[in-house]
């Protein structure tokens, strides 16, 4: 990531690792990035009910040496978003009590599209390439995820299985741990967690790492706990607000990363993949009602 092009994504990704006072400043910025560009360091500190030194610590946590660099990065991000999305850039993803069904459709559509675009534009291509290498040559691939992230694991399992790779999704925490304990350096473990702090996902990945497996984390927060146990981290860039427990944009962003990973793995053995997809399609193509 470049410091200015993805500053808002970087701020959101850094949230779990920030101190409470630093997070208050980050929240002020994220609520209205355009307005934040007009604030002095003292005004921003006051709005975050903290000190100027805290604002400077936030700058350093984001890889910026001086406060003017943060303001410039925010201004460039605001201009870029306005140019890319037009008036839609100011559209909030919060769903209010009085929103119409048309408002809901518009906000969800924009939020999901933005999550995919920001995720793919900020994805670490080097980390993705190394993840593809690891999965393509793995003896087996273990997939860990709970709740909505568990559905994403099942999606990746189905995709890898269809092209003949030995992969297993483990939504049960005990089964995940016992499977991880049997992994070796020939294997790959993938943990998927939006927050990166879900114990039932982090622990199997930790065990897999201890067993010598190559570990891959897919998370929205690159500085979260799960990243500590991952050889490779693939970050999403989803903005979740109202009804976060429904895991809307976060799931869409995770699926985008999974699709990138799968397609790149499938491409490595193009002819074999096409044959496997043909065989699996043939096995189920008659399982439908005839056209009328």
Protein backbone atom coordinates (compact mmCIF):
# COMPACT_ATOMS: atom_id res chain seq x y z
CA UNK A 1 0.00 0.00 0.00
CA UNK A 2 1.10 3.56 -0.63
CA UNK A 3 0.70 5.88 2.37
CA UNK A 4 -1.80 8.26 0.74
CA UNK A 5 -3.69 6.09 -1.77
CA UNK A 6 -5.05 3.76 0.89
CA UNK A 7 -4.93 5.86 4.05
CA UNK A 8 -8.54 5.19 5.05
CA UNK A 9 -8.11 1.45 4.51
CA UNK A 10 -4.91 1.58 6.54
CA UNK A 11 -6.58 3.45 9.39
CA UNK A 12 -9.42 0.93 9.57
CA UNK A 13 -6.96 -1.94 9.41
CA UNK A 14 -4.91 -0.51 12.26
CA UNK A 15 -7.85 -0.02 14.65
CA UNK A 16 -7.35 -3.21 16.74
CA UNK A 17 -3.72 -2.32 17.49
CA UNK A 18 -4.35 1.30 18.48
CA UNK A 19 -4.45 2.55 22.05
CA UNK A 20 -7.86 3.87 23.19
CA UNK A 21 -6.88 7.53 22.76
CA UNK A 22 -5.41 6.88 19.33
CA UNK A 23 -8.54 5.04 18.32
CA UNK A 24 -10.70 8.02 19.32
CA UNK A 25 -8.70 10.17 16.91
CA UNK A 26 -8.99 7.51 14.20
CA UNK A 27 -12.76 7.36 14.74
CA UNK A 28 -13.03 11.15 14.29
CA UNK A 29 -11.20 10.84 10.97
CA UNK A 30 -13.25 7.90 9.72
CA UNK A 31 -16.60 9.53 10.55
CA UNK A 32 -15.83 12.41 8.15
CA UNK A 33 -12.45 12.17 6.39
CA UNK A 34 -13.08 15.28 4.29
CA UNK A 35 -13.78 17.39 7.37
CA UNK A 36 -10.69 16.00 9.10
CA UNK A 37 -8.49 17.44 6.35
CA UNK A 38 -9.54 20.94 7.49
CA UNK A 39 -8.61 20.38 11.14
CA UNK A 40 -5.39 21.49 12.77
CA UNK A 41 -3.56 19.00 14.95
CA UNK A 42 -4.90 20.71 18.07
CA UNK A 43 -8.49 20.73 16.74
CA UNK A 44 -8.28 17.05 15.82
CA UNK A 45 -6.90 16.27 19.28
CA UNK A 46 -9.76 18.18 20.93
CA UNK A 47 -12.39 16.33 18.90
CA UNK A 48 -10.77 13.07 19.98
CA UNK A 49 -10.63 14.30 23.60
CA UNK A 50 -6.90 13.69 23.73
CA UNK A 51 -3.56 15.41 23.16
CA UNK A 52 -1.50 16.47 20.15
CA UNK A 53 1.12 13.87 21.10
CA UNK A 54 -1.54 11.16 20.68
CA UNK A 55 -2.30 12.43 17.18
CA UNK A 56 1.41 12.19 16.40
CA UNK A 57 1.52 8.62 17.74
CA UNK A 58 -1.35 7.76 15.41
CA UNK A 59 0.57 9.24 12.49
CA UNK A 60 3.59 7.11 13.29
CA UNK A 61 1.41 4.02 13.68
CA UNK A 62 0.23 4.66 10.12
CA UNK A 63 3.80 5.03 8.84
CA UNK A 64 3.67 8.83 8.62
CA UNK A 65 6.31 11.03 10.22
CA UNK A 66 4.41 14.33 10.42
CA UNK A 67 0.81 15.49 10.84
CA UNK A 68 0.78 17.43 7.53
CA UNK A 69 1.43 14.10 5.78
CA UNK A 70 -1.77 12.73 7.29
CA UNK A 71 -3.81 15.75 6.18
CA UNK A 72 -2.38 15.53 2.67
CA UNK A 73 -3.08 11.79 2.46
CA UNK A 74 -6.65 12.34 3.63
CA UNK A 75 -7.17 15.15 1.12
CA UNK A 76 -5.89 12.98 -1.72
CA UNK A 77 -8.10 10.10 -0.59
CA UNK A 78 -11.14 12.41 -0.52
CA UNK A 79 -10.40 13.70 -4.04
CA UNK A 80 -9.85 10.16 -5.30
CA UNK A 81 -13.12 8.89 -3.81
CA UNK A 82 -15.05 11.83 -5.22
CA UNK A 83 -13.59 11.21 -8.66
CA UNK A 84 -14.26 7.46 -8.45
CA UNK A 85 -17.73 7.43 -6.91
CA UNK A 86 -19.05 10.95 -7.43
CA UNK A 87 -21.88 11.90 -5.03
CA UNK A 88 -22.07 8.24 -3.94
CA UNK A 89 -18.75 8.68 -2.09
CA UNK A 90 -20.67 10.46 0.67
CA UNK A 91 -23.25 7.67 0.94
CA UNK A 92 -23.27 6.17 4.42
CA UNK A 93 -23.53 2.41 4.81
CA UNK A 94 -25.48 2.87 8.06
CA UNK A 95 -29.05 1.64 7.82
CA UNK A 96 -31.40 3.95 9.72
CA UNK A 97 -34.85 3.37 11.13
CA UNK A 98 -36.46 5.55 8.46
CA UNK A 99 -34.56 4.20 5.44
CA UNK A 100 -36.81 2.98 2.62
CA UNK A 101 -36.32 -0.35 0.90
CA UNK A 102 -34.84 1.63 -2.00
CA UNK A 103 -32.32 3.23 0.40
CA UNK A 104 -31.40 -0.18 1.79
CA UNK A 105 -30.81 -1.65 -1.66
CA UNK A 106 -28.74 1.36 -2.74
CA UNK A 107 -26.60 1.37 0.40
CA UNK A 108 -25.94 -2.37 0.44
CA UNK A 109 -25.13 -2.41 -3.28
CA UNK A 110 -22.68 0.44 -2.91
CA UNK A 111 -21.13 -0.98 0.28
CA UNK A 112 -20.57 -4.43 -1.24
CA UNK A 113 -19.16 -3.03 -4.49
CA UNK A 114 -16.83 -0.74 -2.58
CA UNK A 115 -15.67 -3.58 -0.33
CA UNK A 116 -14.68 -5.66 -3.37
CA UNK A 117 -12.98 -2.75 -5.13
CA UNK A 118 -11.01 -1.61 -2.10
CA UNK A 119 -10.07 -5.17 -1.18
CA UNK A 120 -8.74 -6.06 -4.62
CA UNK A 121 -6.96 -2.73 -5.07
CA UNK A 122 -5.09 -3.06 -1.76
CA UNK A 123 -4.49 -6.82 -1.74
CA UNK A 124 -0.85 -7.75 -1.17
CA UNK A 125 -0.01 -9.41 -4.50
CA UNK A 126 3.27 -10.85 -3.24
CA UNK A 127 1.54 -12.48 -0.26
CA UNK A 128 -1.21 -13.77 -2.56
CA UNK A 129 1.34 -15.24 -4.96
CA UNK A 130 3.13 -17.04 -2.13
CA UNK A 131 -0.21 -18.30 -0.80
CA UNK A 132 -1.05 -19.66 -4.26
CA UNK A 133 2.31 -21.46 -4.39
CA UNK A 134 1.73 -23.00 -0.98
CA UNK A 135 -1.83 -24.19 -1.69
CA UNK A 136 -0.96 -25.53 -5.15
CA UNK A 137 1.77 -27.81 -3.80
CA UNK A 138 0.19 -28.71 -0.44
CA UNK A 139 -0.44 -32.32 0.58
CA UNK A 140 -3.66 -31.11 2.25
CA UNK A 141 -5.32 -27.80 3.06
CA UNK A 142 -7.16 -27.19 6.34
CA UNK A 143 -9.69 -24.34 6.43
CA UNK A 144 -10.78 -22.72 9.72
CA UNK A 145 -13.62 -20.25 10.18
CA UNK A 146 -16.65 -19.77 12.40
CA UNK A 147 -20.06 -18.25 11.63
CA UNK A 148 -20.16 -16.20 8.42
CA UNK A 149 -16.44 -16.81 7.88
CA UNK A 150 -17.21 -20.51 8.13
CA UNK A 151 -19.45 -20.19 5.08
CA UNK A 152 -16.51 -18.67 3.21
CA UNK A 153 -14.38 -21.64 4.27
CA UNK A 154 -16.98 -24.00 2.87
CA UNK A 155 -16.97 -22.06 -0.39
CA UNK A 156 -13.18 -22.39 -0.71
CA UNK A 157 -13.38 -26.08 0.26
CA UNK A 158 -15.93 -26.75 -2.49
CA UNK A 159 -13.81 -24.93 -5.06
CA UNK A 160 -10.55 -26.69 -4.20
CA UNK A 161 -12.28 -30.07 -3.96
CA UNK A 162 -13.74 -29.64 -7.45
CA UNK A 163 -10.28 -29.36 -8.98
CA UNK A 164 -8.96 -32.41 -7.14
CA UNK A 165 -7.11 -30.81 -4.21
CA UNK A 166 -7.41 -32.40 -0.78
CA UNK A 167 -9.03 -29.70 1.36
CA UNK A 168 -11.21 -29.82 4.47
CA UNK A 169 -13.32 -27.14 6.16
CA UNK A 170 -13.58 -27.45 9.95
CA UNK A 171 -16.41 -25.30 11.39
CA UNK A 172 -16.38 -27.24 14.69
CA UNK A 173 -13.65 -25.80 16.99
CA UNK A 174 -12.67 -29.17 18.53
CA UNK A 175 -12.47 -30.88 15.14
CA UNK A 176 -10.41 -27.98 13.84
CA UNK A 177 -7.91 -28.28 16.68
CA UNK A 178 -7.55 -32.03 16.33
CA UNK A 179 -7.07 -31.74 12.58
CA UNK A 180 -4.49 -28.97 13.01
CA UNK A 181 -2.53 -31.18 15.42
CA UNK A 182 -1.97 -33.68 12.60
CA UNK A 183 -0.62 -31.24 10.03
CA UNK A 184 2.98 -31.25 8.83
CA UNK A 185 5.31 -28.97 6.90
CA UNK A 186 3.78 -30.39 3.71
CA UNK A 187 0.40 -28.88 4.55
CA UNK A 188 -1.34 -25.51 4.50
CA UNK A 189 -3.78 -24.06 7.03
CA UNK A 190 -6.06 -21.12 6.20
CA UNK A 191 -7.80 -19.16 8.96
CA UNK A 192 -10.58 -16.75 7.98
CA UNK A 193 -11.73 -14.16 10.53
CA UNK A 194 -13.00 -10.63 9.86
CA UNK A 195 -11.84 -9.30 13.22
CA UNK A 196 -8.81 -11.56 13.43
CA UNK A 197 -9.57 -12.21 17.09
CA UNK A 198 -12.01 -15.14 16.98
CA UNK A 199 -10.50 -17.69 19.37
CA UNK A 200 -12.01 -20.70 17.61
CA UNK A 201 -10.24 -19.66 14.40
CA UNK A 202 -7.01 -18.28 15.83
CA UNK A 203 -6.23 -21.32 17.99
CA UNK A 204 -6.33 -23.95 15.21
CA UNK A 205 -4.12 -21.70 13.08
CA UNK A 206 -1.69 -21.36 16.00
CA UNK A 207 -1.56 -25.15 16.41
CA UNK A 208 -1.05 -25.57 12.66
CA UNK A 209 1.86 -23.13 12.80
CA UNK A 210 3.43 -25.05 15.67
CA UNK A 211 3.18 -28.23 13.59
CA UNK A 212 5.16 -26.55 10.80
CA UNK A 213 2.33 -26.05 8.31
CA UNK A 214 2.29 -22.96 6.12
CA UNK A 215 -0.34 -20.70 7.67
CA UNK A 216 -2.47 -18.14 5.82
CA UNK A 217 -4.79 -15.61 7.46
CA UNK A 218 -7.62 -13.79 5.68
CA UNK A 219 -8.72 -10.88 7.87
CA UNK A 220 -9.80 -7.25 7.75
CA UNK A 221 -7.17 -6.24 10.29
CA UNK A 222 -3.57 -7.01 9.44
CA UNK A 223 -2.36 -6.20 12.94
CA UNK A 224 -4.88 -8.49 14.69
CA UNK A 225 -4.11 -11.61 16.74
CA UNK A 226 -4.56 -14.07 13.89
CA UNK A 227 -1.76 -12.37 11.93
CA UNK A 228 0.70 -13.28 14.71
CA UNK A 229 0.30 -16.96 13.78
CA UNK A 230 0.24 -16.53 10.00
CA UNK A 231 3.12 -16.83 7.57
CA UNK A 232 1.03 -14.93 5.04
CA UNK A 233 -1.72 -12.37 5.65
CA UNK A 234 -4.34 -11.45 3.03
CA UNK A 235 -6.34 -8.43 4.16
CA UNK A 236 -9.83 -7.42 3.17
CA UNK A 237 -11.09 -3.82 3.22
CA UNK A 238 -14.72 -4.07 4.30
CA UNK A 239 -16.58 -1.31 6.13
CA UNK A 240 -19.08 -2.86 8.52
CA UNK A 241 -21.50 -0.70 10.50
CA UNK A 242 -25.22 -1.30 11.08
CA UNK A 243 -26.17 -4.97 11.50
CA UNK A 244 -22.47 -5.99 11.54
CA UNK A 245 -23.48 -9.33 13.07
CA UNK A 246 -25.03 -10.16 9.70
CA UNK A 247 -21.53 -10.04 8.20
CA UNK A 248 -22.54 -8.46 4.91
CA UNK A 249 -19.69 -6.54 3.25
CA UNK A 250 -17.07 -8.50 5.20
CA UNK A 251 -18.28 -11.78 3.72
CA UNK A 252 -18.33 -10.32 0.21
CA UNK A 253 -14.75 -9.09 0.64
CA UNK A 254 -13.59 -12.47 1.96
CA UNK A 255 -15.21 -14.24 -0.99
CA UNK A 256 -13.37 -11.90 -3.37
CA UNK A 257 -10.04 -12.88 -1.81
CA UNK A 258 -11.00 -16.56 -1.88
CA UNK A 259 -11.90 -16.30 -5.57
CA UNK A 260 -8.54 -14.67 -6.37
CA UNK A 261 -6.73 -17.42 -4.47
CA UNK A 262 -8.70 -20.25 -6.06
CA UNK A 263 -8.52 -19.01 -9.65
CA UNK A 264 -4.76 -18.46 -9.40
CA UNK A 265 -4.31 -21.97 -7.95
CA UNK A 266 -6.53 -23.47 -10.65
CA UNK A 267 -4.55 -21.70 -13.36
CA UNK A 268 -1.32 -23.35 -12.23
CA UNK A 269 -2.60 -26.70 -13.56
CA UNK A 270 -4.82 -25.41 -16.33
CA UNK A 271 -5.43 -28.62 -18.30
CA UNK A 272 -5.88 -30.74 -15.17
CA UNK A 273 -8.25 -28.14 -13.72
CA UNK A 274 -10.39 -27.99 -16.85
CA UNK A 275 -10.61 -31.79 -16.92
CA UNK A 276 -11.61 -31.91 -13.24
CA UNK A 277 -14.25 -29.21 -13.69
CA UNK A 278 -15.62 -31.06 -16.72
CA UNK A 279 -15.80 -34.33 -14.83
CA UNK A 280 -17.51 -32.81 -11.79
CA UNK A 281 -19.98 -30.91 -13.94
CA UNK A 282 -20.84 -34.09 -15.83
CA UNK A 283 -21.49 -35.87 -12.54
CA UNK A 284 -24.28 -33.46 -11.56
CA UNK A 285 -25.62 -32.04 -14.83
CA UNK A 286 -28.55 -34.47 -14.89
CA UNK A 287 -29.62 -33.49 -11.38
CA UNK A 288 -32.12 -30.89 -12.56
CA UNK A 289 -35.64 -30.81 -13.91
CA UNK A 290 -35.91 -30.73 -17.72
CA UNK A 291 -36.75 -27.43 -19.37
CA UNK A 292 -40.40 -26.96 -20.18
